[in-house]
Amino acid sequence: MQTAMQRSAILAGGLGLFLGCALMWLARPVPDGEPVVAPLDAEADVFAPPLAADAPQDAWGAAVRRGERLIQNTAAEAPAHVGNGLACRNCHLDGGRKAGAAPLWAAYPNFPAFRAKNQTINSFQKRAQDCFLYSMNGVPPALGSDELNAIEAYAAYMAQGLRLGESLPERGFPKIAAPPLPFDEGRGAVVYAEQCAACHGEDGAGQTLGETVYPPLWGARSYNWGAGMATIDKAAAFIRANMPQGMENSLSVQQAWDVAVFIDSQHRPQDPRFKDSVAATRAAHHDNGFSRYGTEVDGRKLGDPGQTPPSGFAVGN
């Protein structure tokens, strides 16, 4: 079976640089066997990625299964690279399989890709490094490391059968409508107390039973100021589509925005890109209406180095 992939990169200059869509089906080679192609779910017309447990019993399959373990139990599998109480699965739900919760299979065919956050073309592994750096407040594994090779193997295995360059609607988080009213921390605190605190704790510290059961949403063991979830619009979209678990889409659009701004108005670890001052860091990386970094909350400036846990520091993970 033909497994070669045709890629073309289109240069449009500066921010217009992007990867062109290839016309052939993505078919990652499986050692000593044919590519596994996952069918669409006939009822929901949603791509159904293959299970890691069904990967071949060889080196390729071993890497795929290691990748799944890294997504599910990141700190246990890569303790030197995780600096908080989070794992990849806390954003990439169901081990990176759930549609609308940043599924890895939907993301993979879109890399390499230009990313405005770092103003460069990112490989899939570079994008995964940023998850370690920001969402898990850690020290990223090196490009080409066993950890990143395994995560990429897992994503590539699940993506077999998808077209290269195709951005499916299940990718990322579903778009959320603008709130009817300006989002409000006070209303968000009420939503949090009623809908979130039972799992994530009144203090946002999450819950652990030997390992993290419900992730911390702020404080020293949560994601840092550079993470996507520290951006109110991204947090609102994730919350609306995926929380509370088992009751997805039960919050109104307004409630999702309100609780997102409440969560993202709390103290959390420093942005690893911090340079010179809070004001300078905000100007460089947070100068928009969806980031509370550098703003005053209860008389304290969010991101103030004197009151903010450092980046890249493991705190009882």
C-alpha atoms as a PDB file:
ATOM      1  CA  MET A   1       0.000   0.000   0.000  1.00  0.00           C
ATOM      2  CA  GLN A   2       1.323   3.433  -0.932  1.00  0.00           C
ATOM      3  CA  THR A   3       2.297   5.283   2.254  1.00  0.00           C
ATOM      4  CA  ALA A   4       4.241   8.299   0.906  1.00  0.00           C
ATOM      5  CA  MET A   5       2.810  11.704   1.830  1.00  0.00           C
ATOM      6  CA  GLN A   6       2.980  14.718  -0.426  1.00  0.00           C
ATOM      7  CA  ARG A   7       3.497  17.975   1.444  1.00  0.00           C
ATOM      8  CA  SER A   8       3.811  21.477   0.138  1.00  0.00           C
ATOM      9  CA  ALA A   9       4.749  24.517   2.187  1.00  0.00           C
ATOM     10  CA  ILE A  10       3.383  27.854   1.025  1.00  0.00           C
ATOM     11  CA  LEU A  11       5.265  31.003   1.939  1.00  0.00           C
ATOM     12  CA  ALA A  12       3.064  34.063   2.206  1.00  0.00           C
ATOM     13  CA  GLY A  13       5.521  36.069   4.279  1.00  0.00           C
ATOM     14  CA  GLY A  14       5.579  36.909   8.004  1.00  0.00           C
ATOM     15  CA  LEU A  15       2.367  35.951   9.747  1.00  0.00           C
ATOM     16  CA  GLY A  16       1.015  34.521   6.491  1.00  0.00           C
ATOM     17  CA  LEU A  17       3.421  31.617   6.594  1.00  0.00           C
ATOM     18  CA  PHE A  18       1.527  28.379   6.841  1.00  0.00           C
ATOM     19  CA  LEU A  19       1.592  24.738   5.857  1.00  0.00           C
ATOM     20  CA  GLY A  20      -0.358  23.871   2.710  1.00  0.00           C
ATOM     21  CA  CYS A  21      -2.823  21.043   2.772  1.00  0.00           C
ATOM     22  CA  ALA A  22      -1.678  17.851   1.067  1.00  0.00           C
ATOM     23  CA  LEU A  23      -4.093  15.978  -1.151  1.00  0.00           C
ATOM     24  CA  MET A  24      -3.186  12.449  -0.170  1.00  0.00           C
ATOM     25  CA  TRP A  25      -4.538  10.517   2.824  1.00  0.00           C
ATOM     26  CA  LEU A  26      -2.347  10.432   5.874  1.00  0.00           C
ATOM     27  CA  ALA A  27      -1.131   6.874   6.357  1.00  0.00           C
ATOM     28  CA  ARG A  28       1.617   6.461   8.939  1.00  0.00           C
ATOM     29  CA  PRO A  29       3.572   3.262   8.371  1.00  0.00           C
ATOM     30  CA  VAL A  30       3.224   0.549  10.989  1.00  0.00           C
ATOM     31  CA  PRO A  31       6.305  -1.685  11.228  1.00  0.00           C
ATOM     32  CA  ASP A  32       5.676  -5.144   9.762  1.00  0.00           C
ATOM     33  CA  GLY A  33       2.081  -4.367   8.870  1.00  0.00           C
ATOM     34  CA  GLU A  34      -0.486  -2.203   7.140  1.00  0.00           C
ATOM     35  CA  PRO A  35      -1.573   1.187   8.515  1.00  0.00           C
ATOM     36  CA  VAL A  36      -4.520   1.022  10.865  1.00  0.00           C
ATOM     37  CA  VAL A  37      -7.273   3.283   9.513  1.00  0.00           C
ATOM     38  CA  ALA A  38      -9.964   4.276  11.979  1.00  0.00           C
ATOM     39  CA  PRO A  39     -13.532   4.541  10.639  1.00  0.00           C
ATOM     40  CA  LEU A  40     -15.951   7.371  11.191  1.00  0.00           C
ATOM     41  CA  ASP A  41     -18.621   6.817  13.807  1.00  0.00           C
ATOM     42  CA  ALA A  42     -21.616   6.187  11.561  1.00  0.00           C
ATOM     43  CA  GLU A  43     -24.125   7.633  14.017  1.00  0.00           C
ATOM     44  CA  ALA A  44     -22.383  10.838  15.035  1.00  0.00           C
ATOM     45  CA  ASP A  45     -20.152  11.242  11.960  1.00  0.00           C
ATOM     46  CA  VAL A  46     -17.249  11.852  14.340  1.00  0.00           C
ATOM     47  CA  PHE A  47     -13.856  10.345  13.671  1.00  0.00           C
ATOM     48  CA  ALA A  48     -13.271   7.308  15.885  1.00  0.00           C
ATOM     49  CA  PRO A  49      -9.533   6.961  16.572  1.00  0.00           C
ATOM     50  CA  PRO A  50      -8.097   3.485  17.166  1.00  0.00           C
ATOM     51  CA  LEU A  51      -7.255   2.383  20.693  1.00  0.00           C
ATOM     52  CA  ALA A  52      -3.627   2.287  21.775  1.00  0.00           C
ATOM     53  CA  ALA A  53      -4.288  -1.191  23.161  1.00  0.00           C
ATOM     54  CA  ASP A  54      -4.890  -2.357  19.584  1.00  0.00           C
ATOM     55  CA  ALA A  55      -1.552  -1.065  18.278  1.00  0.00           C
ATOM     56  CA  PRO A  56       0.825  -3.746  16.923  1.00  0.00           C
ATOM     57  CA  GLN A  57       2.900  -5.781  19.340  1.00  0.00           C
ATOM     58  CA  ASP A  58       6.195  -4.328  18.153  1.00  0.00           C
ATOM     59  CA  ALA A  59       8.391  -1.274  18.681  1.00  0.00           C
ATOM     60  CA  TRP A  60       5.861   1.027  16.979  1.00  0.00           C
ATOM     61  CA  GLY A  61       3.020  -0.237  19.159  1.00  0.00           C
ATOM     62  CA  ALA A  62       5.164   0.027  22.290  1.00  0.00           C
ATOM     63  CA  ALA A  63       5.848   3.692  21.506  1.00  0.00           C
ATOM     64  CA  VAL A  64       2.127   4.321  20.932  1.00  0.00           C
ATOM     65  CA  ARG A  65       1.201   2.769  24.276  1.00  0.00           C
ATOM     66  CA  ARG A  66       3.960   4.704  26.050  1.00  0.00           C
ATOM     67  CA  GLY A  67       2.571   7.870  24.497  1.00  0.00           C
ATOM     68  CA  GLU A  68      -0.867   7.121  25.902  1.00  0.00           C
ATOM     69  CA  ARG A  69       0.627   6.557  29.367  1.00  0.00           C
ATOM     70  CA  LEU A  70       2.430   9.900  29.133  1.00  0.00           C
ATOM     71  CA  ILE A  71      -0.825  11.677  28.316  1.00  0.00           C
ATOM     72  CA  GLN A  72      -2.737   9.914  31.100  1.00  0.00           C
ATOM     73  CA  ASN A  73      -0.104   9.942  33.868  1.00  0.00           C
ATOM     74  CA  THR A  74       2.392  12.577  32.833  1.00  0.00           C
ATOM     75  CA  ALA A  75       4.133  13.162  36.168  1.00  0.00           C
ATOM     76  CA  ALA A  76       4.594   9.447  36.810  1.00  0.00           C
ATOM     77  CA  GLU A  77       5.983   8.835  33.318  1.00  0.00           C
ATOM     78  CA  ALA A  78       8.055  12.027  33.035  1.00  0.00           C
ATOM     79  CA  PRO A  79       8.683  13.280  36.593  1.00  0.00           C
ATOM     80  CA  ALA A  80      11.629  15.494  35.623  1.00  0.00           C
ATOM     81  CA  HIS A  81       9.444  17.485  33.230  1.00  0.00           C
ATOM     82  CA  VAL A  82       6.280  18.247  35.232  1.00  0.00           C
ATOM     83  CA  GLY A  83       6.284  21.093  37.734  1.00  0.00           C
ATOM     84  CA  ASN A  84       2.721  21.076  39.032  1.00  0.00           C
ATOM     85  CA  GLY A  85      -0.289  18.882  39.735  1.00  0.00           C
ATOM     86  CA  LEU A  86      -1.527  18.625  36.151  1.00  0.00           C
ATOM     87  CA  ALA A  87      -1.272  15.991  33.433  1.00  0.00           C
ATOM     88  CA  CYS A  88      -1.823  16.216  29.683  1.00  0.00           C
ATOM     89  CA  ARG A  89      -5.195  14.498  30.111  1.00  0.00           C
ATOM     90  CA  ASN A  90      -6.567  17.433  32.123  1.00  0.00           C
ATOM     91  CA  CYS A  91      -6.924  19.486  28.926  1.00  0.00           C
ATOM     92  CA  HIS A  92      -6.787  16.662  26.358  1.00  0.00           C
ATOM     93  CA  LEU A  93      -9.682  14.725  27.875  1.00  0.00           C
ATOM     94  CA  ASP A  94     -10.098  10.960  27.592  1.00  0.00           C
ATOM     95  CA  GLY A  95      -6.389  10.560  26.972  1.00  0.00           C
ATOM     96  CA  GLY A  96      -6.466  12.939  24.022  1.00  0.00           C
ATOM     97  CA  ARG A  97      -9.369  11.157  22.362  1.00  0.00           C
ATOM     98  CA  LYS A  98     -12.407  13.298  23.200  1.00  0.00           C
ATOM     99  CA  ALA A  99     -13.735  15.456  20.367  1.00  0.00           C
ATOM    100  CA  GLY A 100     -13.972  19.119  21.348  1.00  0.00           C
ATOM    101  CA  ALA A 101     -11.434  18.702  24.159  1.00  0.00           C
ATOM    102  CA  ALA A 102      -8.238  19.296  22.160  1.00  0.00           C
ATOM    103  CA  PRO A 103      -8.075  15.741  20.742  1.00  0.00           C
ATOM    104  CA  LEU A 104      -4.573  14.824  19.636  1.00  0.00           C
ATOM    105  CA  TRP A 105      -5.810  13.002  16.528  1.00  0.00           C
ATOM    106  CA  ALA A 106      -7.452  16.166  15.198  1.00  0.00           C
ATOM    107  CA  ALA A 107      -4.417  18.318  15.909  1.00  0.00           C
ATOM    108  CA  TYR A 108      -1.725  16.065  14.497  1.00  0.00           C
ATOM    109  CA  PRO A 109      -2.465  16.381  10.748  1.00  0.00           C
ATOM    110  CA  ASN A 110      -2.187  20.183  11.028  1.00  0.00           C
ATOM    111  CA  PHE A 111       1.494  20.248  11.960  1.00  0.00           C
ATOM    112  CA  PRO A 112       3.953  21.780  11.171  1.00  0.00           C
ATOM    113  CA  ALA A 113       2.069  25.069  11.608  1.00  0.00           C
ATOM    114  CA  PHE A 114       2.796  28.733  12.234  1.00  0.00           C
ATOM    115  CA  ARG A 115       2.017  29.828  15.799  1.00  0.00           C
ATOM    116  CA  ALA A 116       1.570  33.489  16.642  1.00  0.00           C
ATOM    117  CA  LYS A 117       2.513  32.810  20.278  1.00  0.00           C
ATOM    118  CA  ASN A 118       6.167  32.241  19.373  1.00  0.00           C
ATOM    119  CA  GLN A 119       6.134  33.713  15.855  1.00  0.00           C
ATOM    120  CA  THR A 120       7.561  30.628  14.175  1.00  0.00           C
ATOM    121  CA  ILE A 121       6.686  27.361  12.502  1.00  0.00           C
ATOM    122  CA  ASN A 122       6.061  24.712  15.155  1.00  0.00           C
ATOM    123  CA  SER A 123       6.430  20.979  14.716  1.00  0.00           C
ATOM    124  CA  PHE A 124       4.073  18.737  16.658  1.00  0.00           C
ATOM    125  CA  GLN A 125       6.854  18.053  19.150  1.00  0.00           C
ATOM    126  CA  LYS A 126       7.555  21.772  19.608  1.00  0.00           C
ATOM    127  CA  ARG A 127       3.875  22.306  20.356  1.00  0.00           C
ATOM    128  CA  ALA A 128       3.987  19.486  22.915  1.00  0.00           C
ATOM    129  CA  GLN A 129       7.044  21.097  24.522  1.00  0.00           C
ATOM    130  CA  ASP A 130       4.967  24.217  25.152  1.00  0.00           C
ATOM    131  CA  CYS A 131       2.373  22.134  27.012  1.00  0.00           C
ATOM    132  CA  PHE A 132       5.102  21.005  29.403  1.00  0.00           C
ATOM    133  CA  LEU A 133       6.452  24.548  29.736  1.00  0.00           C
ATOM    134  CA  TYR A 134       3.172  26.394  30.313  1.00  0.00           C
ATOM    135  CA  SER A 135       0.321  24.048  31.209  1.00  0.00           C
ATOM    136  CA  MET A 136       2.448  21.762  33.381  1.00  0.00           C
ATOM    137  CA  ASN A 137       4.810  24.533  34.546  1.00  0.00           C
ATOM    138  CA  GLY A 138       7.777  22.278  33.908  1.00  0.00           C
ATOM    139  CA  VAL A 139      10.945  21.775  31.912  1.00  0.00           C
ATOM    140  CA  PRO A 140      10.102  20.409  28.444  1.00  0.00           C
ATOM    141  CA  PRO A 141      11.687  17.184  27.195  1.00  0.00           C
ATOM    142  CA  ALA A 142      14.160  17.739  24.362  1.00  0.00           C
ATOM    143  CA  LEU A 143      13.019  17.505  20.769  1.00  0.00           C
ATOM    144  CA  GLY A 144      13.539  13.908  19.661  1.00  0.00           C
ATOM    145  CA  SER A 145      13.461  12.621  23.249  1.00  0.00           C
ATOM    146  CA  ASP A 146      11.833   9.301  24.060  1.00  0.00           C
ATOM    147  CA  GLU A 147       8.960  11.174  25.731  1.00  0.00           C
ATOM    148  CA  LEU A 148       8.133  13.422  22.787  1.00  0.00           C
ATOM    149  CA  ASN A 149       8.682  10.628  20.261  1.00  0.00           C
ATOM    150  CA  ALA A 150       6.178   8.497  22.167  1.00  0.00           C
ATOM    151  CA  ILE A 151       3.580  11.292  22.421  1.00  0.00           C
ATOM    152  CA  GLU A 152       3.930  11.938  18.692  1.00  0.00           C
ATOM    153  CA  ALA A 153       3.657   8.224  17.924  1.00  0.00           C
ATOM    154  CA  TYR A 154       0.409   8.072  19.909  1.00  0.00           C
ATOM    155  CA  ALA A 155      -1.058  11.111  18.146  1.00  0.00           C
ATOM    156  CA  ALA A 156       0.023   9.855  14.711  1.00  0.00           C
ATOM    157  CA  TYR A 157      -1.432   6.409  15.381  1.00  0.00           C
ATOM    158  CA  MET A 158      -4.814   7.879  16.303  1.00  0.00           C
ATOM    159  CA  ALA A 159      -4.760  10.227  13.274  1.00  0.00           C
ATOM    160  CA  GLN A 160      -4.385   7.509  10.645  1.00  0.00           C
ATOM    161  CA  GLY A 161      -7.084   7.884   8.032  1.00  0.00           C
ATOM    162  CA  LEU A 162      -7.333  11.663   8.323  1.00  0.00           C
ATOM    163  CA  ARG A 163      -6.286  14.008   5.540  1.00  0.00           C
ATOM    164  CA  LEU A 164      -3.081  15.953   6.028  1.00  0.00           C
ATOM    165  CA  GLY A 165      -3.812  19.626   6.641  1.00  0.00           C
ATOM    166  CA  GLU A 166      -7.533  19.143   7.275  1.00  0.00           C
ATOM    167  CA  SER A 167      -8.748  21.097  10.313  1.00  0.00           C
ATOM    168  CA  LEU A 168     -11.763  19.197  11.595  1.00  0.00           C
ATOM    169  CA  PRO A 169     -14.513  20.874  13.624  1.00  0.00           C
ATOM    170  CA  GLU A 170     -13.696  18.526  16.522  1.00  0.00           C
ATOM    171  CA  ARG A 171     -10.202  20.033  16.803  1.00  0.00           C
ATOM    172  CA  GLY A 172      -9.430  22.241  19.820  1.00  0.00           C
ATOM    173  CA  PHE A 173     -12.450  23.494  21.748  1.00  0.00           C
ATOM    174  CA  PRO A 174     -15.814  24.368  20.179  1.00  0.00           C
ATOM    175  CA  LYS A 175     -16.162  28.077  19.550  1.00  0.00           C
ATOM    176  CA  ILE A 176     -18.137  29.846  22.261  1.00  0.00           C
ATOM    177  CA  ALA A 177     -20.466  32.761  21.587  1.00  0.00           C
ATOM    178  CA  ALA A 178     -19.770  36.155  23.094  1.00  0.00           C
ATOM    179  CA  PRO A 179     -21.423  36.588  26.516  1.00  0.00           C
ATOM    180  CA  PRO A 180     -24.719  38.505  26.590  1.00  0.00           C
ATOM    181  CA  LEU A 181     -23.244  40.660  29.388  1.00  0.00           C
ATOM    182  CA  PRO A 182     -19.604  41.566  30.086  1.00  0.00           C
ATOM    183  CA  PHE A 183     -18.032  38.668  31.982  1.00  0.00           C
ATOM    184  CA  ASP A 184     -17.935  39.240  35.716  1.00  0.00           C
ATOM    185  CA  GLU A 185     -15.796  37.742  38.493  1.00  0.00           C
ATOM    186  CA  GLY A 186     -18.515  38.126  41.143  1.00  0.00           C
ATOM    187  CA  ARG A 187     -21.037  36.097  39.169  1.00  0.00           C
ATOM    188  CA  GLY A 188     -18.246  33.677  38.329  1.00  0.00           C
ATOM    189  CA  ALA A 189     -17.488  33.100  42.001  1.00  0.00           C
ATOM    190  CA  VAL A 190     -21.110  32.025  42.499  1.00  0.00           C
ATOM    191  CA  VAL A 191     -20.956  29.643  39.524  1.00  0.00           C
ATOM    192  CA  TYR A 192     -17.678  28.227  40.806  1.00  0.00           C
ATOM    193  CA  ALA A 193     -19.076  27.607  44.293  1.00  0.00           C
ATOM    194  CA  GLU A 194     -22.177  25.907  42.895  1.00  0.00           C
ATOM    195  CA  GLN A 195     -20.726  23.946  39.983  1.00  0.00           C
ATOM    196  CA  CYS A 196     -16.951  23.532  40.412  1.00  0.00           C
ATOM    197  CA  ALA A 197     -15.830  23.660  44.040  1.00  0.00           C
ATOM    198  CA  ALA A 198     -17.048  20.153  44.907  1.00  0.00           C
ATOM    199  CA  CYS A 199     -14.382  18.719  42.605  1.00  0.00           C
ATOM    200  CA  HIS A 200     -11.720  21.415  42.357  1.00  0.00           C
ATOM    201  CA  GLY A 201     -11.954  22.685  45.940  1.00  0.00           C
ATOM    202  CA  GLU A 202     -13.054  25.986  47.383  1.00  0.00           C
ATOM    203  CA  ASP A 203      -9.452  27.184  47.161  1.00  0.00           C
ATOM    204  CA  GLY A 204      -8.968  25.900  43.600  1.00  0.00           C
ATOM    205  CA  ALA A 205      -6.303  23.438  44.748  1.00  0.00           C
ATOM    206  CA  GLY A 206      -8.007  20.356  43.309  1.00  0.00           C
ATOM    207  CA  GLN A 207      -8.107  16.966  44.998  1.00  0.00           C
ATOM    208  CA  THR A 208      -5.505  14.237  45.310  1.00  0.00           C
ATOM    209  CA  LEU A 209      -5.722  10.631  46.437  1.00  0.00           C
ATOM    210  CA  GLY A 210      -2.129   9.519  45.972  1.00  0.00           C
ATOM    211  CA  GLU A 211      -2.314  11.206  42.572  1.00  0.00           C
ATOM    212  CA  THR A 212      -4.285  14.158  41.236  1.00  0.00           C
ATOM    213  CA  VAL A 213      -7.948  13.215  40.869  1.00  0.00           C
ATOM    214  CA  TYR A 214      -9.307  16.690  40.125  1.00  0.00           C
ATOM    215  CA  PRO A 215      -6.747  19.197  38.846  1.00  0.00           C
ATOM    216  CA  PRO A 216      -5.838  22.434  40.623  1.00  0.00           C
ATOM    217  CA  LEU A 217      -7.188  25.482  38.800  1.00  0.00           C
ATOM    218  CA  TRP A 218      -5.019  28.123  40.481  1.00  0.00           C
ATOM    219  CA  GLY A 219      -2.222  28.380  43.017  1.00  0.00           C
ATOM    220  CA  ALA A 220       1.297  26.978  42.994  1.00  0.00           C
ATOM    221  CA  ARG A 221       0.290  23.567  41.586  1.00  0.00           C
ATOM    222  CA  SER A 222      -1.731  24.851  38.637  1.00  0.00           C
ATOM    223  CA  TYR A 223      -0.892  26.068  35.117  1.00  0.00           C
ATOM    224  CA  ASN A 224       1.228  29.183  34.829  1.00  0.00           C
ATOM    225  CA  TRP A 225       0.402  32.558  33.275  1.00  0.00           C
ATOM    226  CA  GLY A 226       1.732  31.500  29.883  1.00  0.00           C
ATOM    227  CA  ALA A 227      -0.758  28.647  29.470  1.00  0.00           C
ATOM    228  CA  GLY A 228      -3.661  28.831  27.061  1.00  0.00           C
ATOM    229  CA  MET A 229      -6.074  28.164  29.926  1.00  0.00           C
ATOM    230  CA  ALA A 230      -4.905  31.406  31.544  1.00  0.00           C
ATOM    231  CA  THR A 231      -6.613  33.177  28.641  1.00  0.00           C
ATOM    232  CA  ILE A 232     -10.269  33.809  29.478  1.00  0.00           C
ATOM    233  CA  ASP A 233     -11.743  33.077  26.042  1.00  0.00           C
ATOM    234  CA  LYS A 234      -9.973  29.710  25.783  1.00  0.00           C
ATOM    235  CA  ALA A 235     -10.951  28.746  29.321  1.00  0.00           C
ATOM    236  CA  ALA A 236     -14.577  29.727  28.676  1.00  0.00           C
ATOM    237  CA  ALA A 237     -14.722  27.614  25.498  1.00  0.00           C
ATOM    238  CA  PHE A 238     -13.251  24.586  27.278  1.00  0.00           C
ATOM    239  CA  ILE A 239     -15.546  24.954  30.286  1.00  0.00           C
ATOM    240  CA  ARG A 240     -18.702  25.390  28.221  1.00  0.00           C
ATOM    241  CA  ALA A 241     -18.003  22.286  26.103  1.00  0.00           C
ATOM    242  CA  ASN A 242     -16.543  19.986  28.737  1.00  0.00           C
ATOM    243  CA  MET A 243     -17.491  20.962  32.294  1.00  0.00           C
ATOM    244  CA  PRO A 244     -18.831  19.833  34.668  1.00  0.00           C
ATOM    245  CA  GLN A 245     -17.805  16.385  33.497  1.00  0.00           C
ATOM    246  CA  GLY A 246     -20.840  14.336  32.630  1.00  0.00           C
ATOM    247  CA  MET A 247     -22.925  17.526  32.367  1.00  0.00           C
ATOM    248  CA  GLU A 248     -21.230  19.125  29.371  1.00  0.00           C
ATOM    249  CA  ASN A 249     -22.958  22.223  27.922  1.00  0.00           C
ATOM    250  CA  SER A 250     -25.159  22.509  31.016  1.00  0.00           C
ATOM    251  CA  LEU A 251     -23.665  25.898  31.898  1.00  0.00           C
ATOM    252  CA  SER A 252     -25.017  28.846  29.968  1.00  0.00           C
ATOM    253  CA  VAL A 253     -22.682  30.835  27.735  1.00  0.00           C
ATOM    254  CA  GLN A 254     -22.749  33.633  30.324  1.00  0.00           C
ATOM    255  CA  GLN A 255     -21.918  31.252  33.178  1.00  0.00           C
ATOM    256  CA  ALA A 256     -18.980  29.780  31.265  1.00  0.00           C
ATOM    257  CA  TRP A 257     -17.485  33.222  30.643  1.00  0.00           C
ATOM    258  CA  ASP A 258     -18.112  34.367  34.210  1.00  0.00           C
ATOM    259  CA  VAL A 259     -16.517  31.332  35.844  1.00  0.00           C
ATOM    260  CA  ALA A 260     -13.598  31.489  33.400  1.00  0.00           C
ATOM    261  CA  VAL A 261     -12.765  35.070  34.394  1.00  0.00           C
ATOM    262  CA  PHE A 262     -13.113  34.141  38.066  1.00  0.00           C
ATOM    263  CA  ILE A 263     -10.639  31.253  37.699  1.00  0.00           C
ATOM    264  CA  ASP A 264      -8.234  33.300  35.602  1.00  0.00           C
ATOM    265  CA  SER A 265      -8.260  36.172  38.078  1.00  0.00           C
ATOM    266  CA  GLN A 266      -6.484  34.078  40.718  1.00  0.00           C
ATOM    267  CA  HIS A 267      -2.771  33.826  41.492  1.00  0.00           C
ATOM    268  CA  ARG A 268      -0.776  31.197  39.653  1.00  0.00           C
ATOM    269  CA  PRO A 269       2.878  30.525  38.722  1.00  0.00           C
ATOM    270  CA  GLN A 270       4.860  33.114  36.800  1.00  0.00           C
ATOM    271  CA  ASP A 271       4.905  33.284  33.003  1.00  0.00           C
ATOM    272  CA  PRO A 272       8.222  31.687  31.916  1.00  0.00           C
ATOM    273  CA  ARG A 273       8.590  34.576  29.447  1.00  0.00           C
ATOM    274  CA  PHE A 274       8.724  37.109  32.298  1.00  0.00           C
ATOM    275  CA  LYS A 275      11.301  39.799  31.592  1.00  0.00           C
ATOM    276  CA  ASP A 276      12.125  43.015  33.439  1.00  0.00           C
ATOM    277  CA  SER A 277       8.699  43.713  34.995  1.00  0.00           C
ATOM    278  CA  VAL A 278       5.050  42.719  35.109  1.00  0.00           C
ATOM    279  CA  ALA A 279       4.175  45.710  32.931  1.00  0.00           C
ATOM    280  CA  ALA A 280       6.769  44.787  30.304  1.00  0.00           C
ATOM    281  CA  THR A 281       5.673  41.154  30.302  1.00  0.00           C
ATOM    282  CA  ARG A 282       2.027  42.133  29.941  1.00  0.00           C
ATOM    283  CA  ALA A 283       2.871  44.475  27.072  1.00  0.00           C
ATOM    284  CA  ALA A 284       4.818  41.742  25.296  1.00  0.00           C
ATOM    285  CA  HIS A 285       2.517  38.752  25.881  1.00  0.00           C
ATOM    286  CA  HIS A 286      -0.767  39.644  27.587  1.00  0.00           C
ATOM    287  CA  ASP A 287      -1.897  42.967  26.177  1.00  0.00           C
ATOM    288  CA  ASN A 288      -5.496  41.957  25.430  1.00  0.00           C
ATOM    289  CA  GLY A 289      -8.889  41.874  27.109  1.00  0.00           C
ATOM    290  CA  PHE A 290      -8.728  38.126  27.776  1.00  0.00           C
ATOM    291  CA  SER A 291      -5.732  38.128  30.138  1.00  0.00           C
ATOM    292  CA  ARG A 292      -5.796  39.356  33.733  1.00  0.00           C
ATOM    293  CA  TYR A 293      -2.005  39.200  34.036  1.00  0.00           C
ATOM    294  CA  GLY A 294      -0.699  42.494  35.385  1.00  0.00           C
ATOM    295  CA  THR A 295      -4.116  43.688  36.586  1.00  0.00           C
ATOM    296  CA  GLU A 296      -5.210  44.413  40.151  1.00  0.00           C
ATOM    297  CA  VAL A 297      -7.414  41.926  42.032  1.00  0.00           C
ATOM    298  CA  ASP A 298      -8.251  42.539  45.699  1.00  0.00           C
ATOM    299  CA  GLY A 299      -5.404  45.037  45.939  1.00  0.00           C
ATOM    300  CA  ARG A 300      -2.791  42.626  44.582  1.00  0.00           C
ATOM    301  CA  LYS A 301      -1.227  42.700  41.143  1.00  0.00           C
ATOM    302  CA  LEU A 302      -1.508  39.388  39.319  1.00  0.00           C
ATOM    303  CA  GLY A 303       1.936  38.257  38.225  1.00  0.00           C
ATOM    304  CA  ASP A 304       3.774  40.264  40.890  1.00  0.00           C
ATOM    305  CA  PRO A 305       7.027  38.277  41.395  1.00  0.00           C
ATOM    306  CA  GLY A 306       6.830  38.874  45.140  1.00  0.00           C
ATOM    307  CA  GLN A 307       3.499  37.033  45.376  1.00  0.00           C
ATOM    308  CA  THR A 308       3.730  34.644  42.437  1.00  0.00           C
ATOM    309  CA  PRO A 309       5.195  31.128  42.481  1.00  0.00           C
ATOM    310  CA  PRO A 310       8.141  30.793  40.073  1.00  0.00           C
ATOM    311  CA  SER A 311       7.834  29.079  36.706  1.00  0.00           C
ATOM    312  CA  GLY A 312       9.355  25.670  36.134  1.00  0.00           C
ATOM    313  CA  PHE A 313       9.305  24.754  39.822  1.00  0.00           C
ATOM    314  CA  ALA A 314       7.954  21.376  40.916  1.00  0.00           C
ATOM    315  CA  VAL A 315       5.572  21.787  43.860  1.00  0.00           C
ATOM    316  CA  GLY A 316       4.629  18.391  45.234  1.00  0.00           C
ATOM    317  CA  ASN A 317       3.673  16.973  41.883  1.00  0.00           C
END
